[in-house]
Every structure is written in C-alpha cells, then in structure tokens.
Protein backbone atom coordinates (compact mmCIF):
# COMPACT_ATOMS: atom_id res chain seq x y z
CA MET A 1 177.58 -118.31 -79.51
CA SER A 2 174.65 -119.50 -77.38
CA SER A 3 173.66 -123.18 -77.27
CA ALA A 4 170.47 -122.39 -79.24
CA GLU A 5 172.49 -120.70 -82.01
CA TRP A 6 174.89 -123.67 -82.01
CA GLN A 7 172.05 -126.17 -82.40
CA TYR A 8 170.52 -124.48 -85.40
CA SER A 9 173.64 -123.14 -87.11
CA GLY A 10 174.21 -126.38 -88.99
CA LEU A 11 177.31 -127.22 -86.95
CA LEU A 12 175.63 -130.31 -85.48
CA ASN A 13 175.33 -133.31 -87.78
CA MET A 14 171.52 -133.64 -87.72
CA ILE A 15 169.54 -136.62 -89.01
CA GLU A 16 165.82 -136.99 -89.69
CA CYS A 17 164.06 -139.48 -87.45
CA VAL A 18 160.56 -140.83 -86.95
CA TYR A 19 158.88 -142.56 -84.04
CA ARG A 20 155.48 -144.26 -84.24
CA ASN A 21 153.62 -144.97 -81.02
CA ASP A 22 152.23 -148.47 -81.58
CA THR A 23 151.03 -148.76 -77.99
CA ASP A 24 147.56 -148.09 -76.62
CA ARG A 25 148.91 -145.45 -74.22
CA MET A 26 150.36 -141.99 -74.46
CA VAL A 27 154.18 -141.90 -74.30
CA ILE A 28 156.73 -139.15 -73.81
CA VAL A 29 159.67 -139.12 -76.23
CA LYS A 30 162.81 -137.42 -74.91
CA CYS A 31 165.83 -136.78 -77.11
CA VAL A 32 169.07 -135.68 -75.43
CA GLY A 33 172.31 -134.74 -77.18
CA ASP A 34 175.51 -132.75 -76.85
CA ASN A 35 175.63 -128.95 -76.51
CA ASN A 36 172.42 -128.81 -74.46
CA PHE A 37 170.30 -130.35 -77.24
CA TYR A 38 166.95 -131.47 -75.82
CA ARG A 39 163.55 -132.27 -77.31
CA GLU A 40 160.49 -133.64 -75.53
CA LYS A 41 157.14 -134.53 -77.08
CA VAL A 42 153.96 -136.25 -75.94
CA VAL A 43 153.00 -138.83 -78.57
CA LEU A 44 149.47 -140.24 -78.52
CA PRO A 45 148.56 -143.83 -79.48
CA THR A 46 149.01 -144.51 -83.24
CA GLU A 47 150.58 -141.05 -83.72
CA MET A 48 153.84 -140.56 -85.63
CA TYR A 49 156.42 -137.99 -84.50
CA TRP A 50 158.97 -136.69 -87.03
CA PHE A 51 162.01 -134.86 -85.64
CA GLU A 52 165.61 -133.93 -86.33
CA ALA A 53 168.35 -134.77 -83.85
CA PRO A 54 172.15 -134.94 -83.68
CA GLN A 55 173.49 -138.32 -84.86
CA GLU A 56 175.01 -139.06 -81.47
CA ALA A 57 171.88 -138.23 -79.43
CA ARG A 58 170.04 -140.69 -77.18
CA LEU A 59 166.30 -141.32 -77.31
CA GLU A 60 164.20 -142.23 -74.29
CA ILE A 61 160.58 -143.36 -74.52
CA TRP A 62 158.62 -143.03 -71.29
CA LYS A 63 155.27 -144.79 -70.80
CA MET A 64 152.63 -143.43 -68.51
CA SER A 65 151.52 -145.68 -65.67
CA ILE A 66 149.30 -145.31 -62.64
CA THR A 67 152.32 -144.34 -60.54
CA GLY A 68 153.74 -141.86 -63.09
CA GLN A 69 156.28 -142.05 -65.90
CA MET A 70 158.22 -145.27 -66.42
CA LEU A 71 161.25 -145.60 -68.73
CA HIS A 72 160.29 -148.04 -71.48
CA VAL A 73 163.09 -147.73 -74.09
CA ARG A 74 166.54 -146.13 -74.17
CA ALA A 75 168.23 -146.21 -77.59
CA ASP A 76 170.52 -144.42 -80.02
CA VAL A 77 168.62 -141.92 -82.14
CA ARG A 78 170.13 -143.61 -85.23
CA ASP A 79 167.82 -146.56 -84.52
CA TYR A 80 164.94 -144.24 -85.48
CA ALA A 81 166.63 -142.60 -88.49
CA MET A 82 164.55 -142.38 -91.63
CA GLN A 83 165.88 -144.57 -94.43
CA GLU A 84 166.89 -142.52 -97.45
CA GLU A 85 166.66 -145.08 -100.22
CA PRO A 86 166.42 -144.02 -103.86
CA VAL A 87 163.04 -144.52 -105.45
CA THR A 88 163.27 -147.27 -108.08
CA GLU A 89 159.58 -147.63 -108.94
CA SER A 90 156.69 -145.28 -109.28
CA LEU A 91 153.24 -145.96 -107.93
CA TRP A 92 151.79 -144.05 -110.88
CA ALA A 93 150.61 -146.00 -113.93
CA SER A 94 152.92 -145.76 -116.92
C-alpha cells in the first residue's frame, strides 16, 4: 500500500482543524505527520484555512519577512482542532 493510499484509507486517526491568519502578512502553514503525511498552504491575512490532519501531526506557521520565511509557531495540530460541541440553542426564532 502506498503512503497516499494509507493516508486516505481511514487508517490514520484524522481530526478537523482550522487556522485563522490574524496577522497583516501572508503566512505558510505546514502540517507534518507520520507515514509521509504533509500539507502546505499559503494563507492570506484574515483568511481561514480548514484542513484534516492526523491527531499526532505537528503544525508549523511560517511568516514571510524581507529575508525569506521565518518560523513563527510550532505546535501540536490538536491545538487547532475544531471543537465539536452539541448545539444547545438555535439562532432561529421559536
């Protein structure tokens, strides 16, 4: 089984994550995990990036500077996991 088939076969424990670029500069989000899992995305200012990643993956956020890319944040991908809380109220009028 190739690494691509492994990634998408459901054998990895994937979680949904979101990153919002609250800076005034473009950043590069890199997600690295086991079994050759890798995602990279340019995220513009105020943009949100939704992605799925293995629970044990690491996230790196690189800022752009005059001299090139500079590592800004290194974190567990779980720090960016979407909260799955049950809805207790509706925004619709009753």
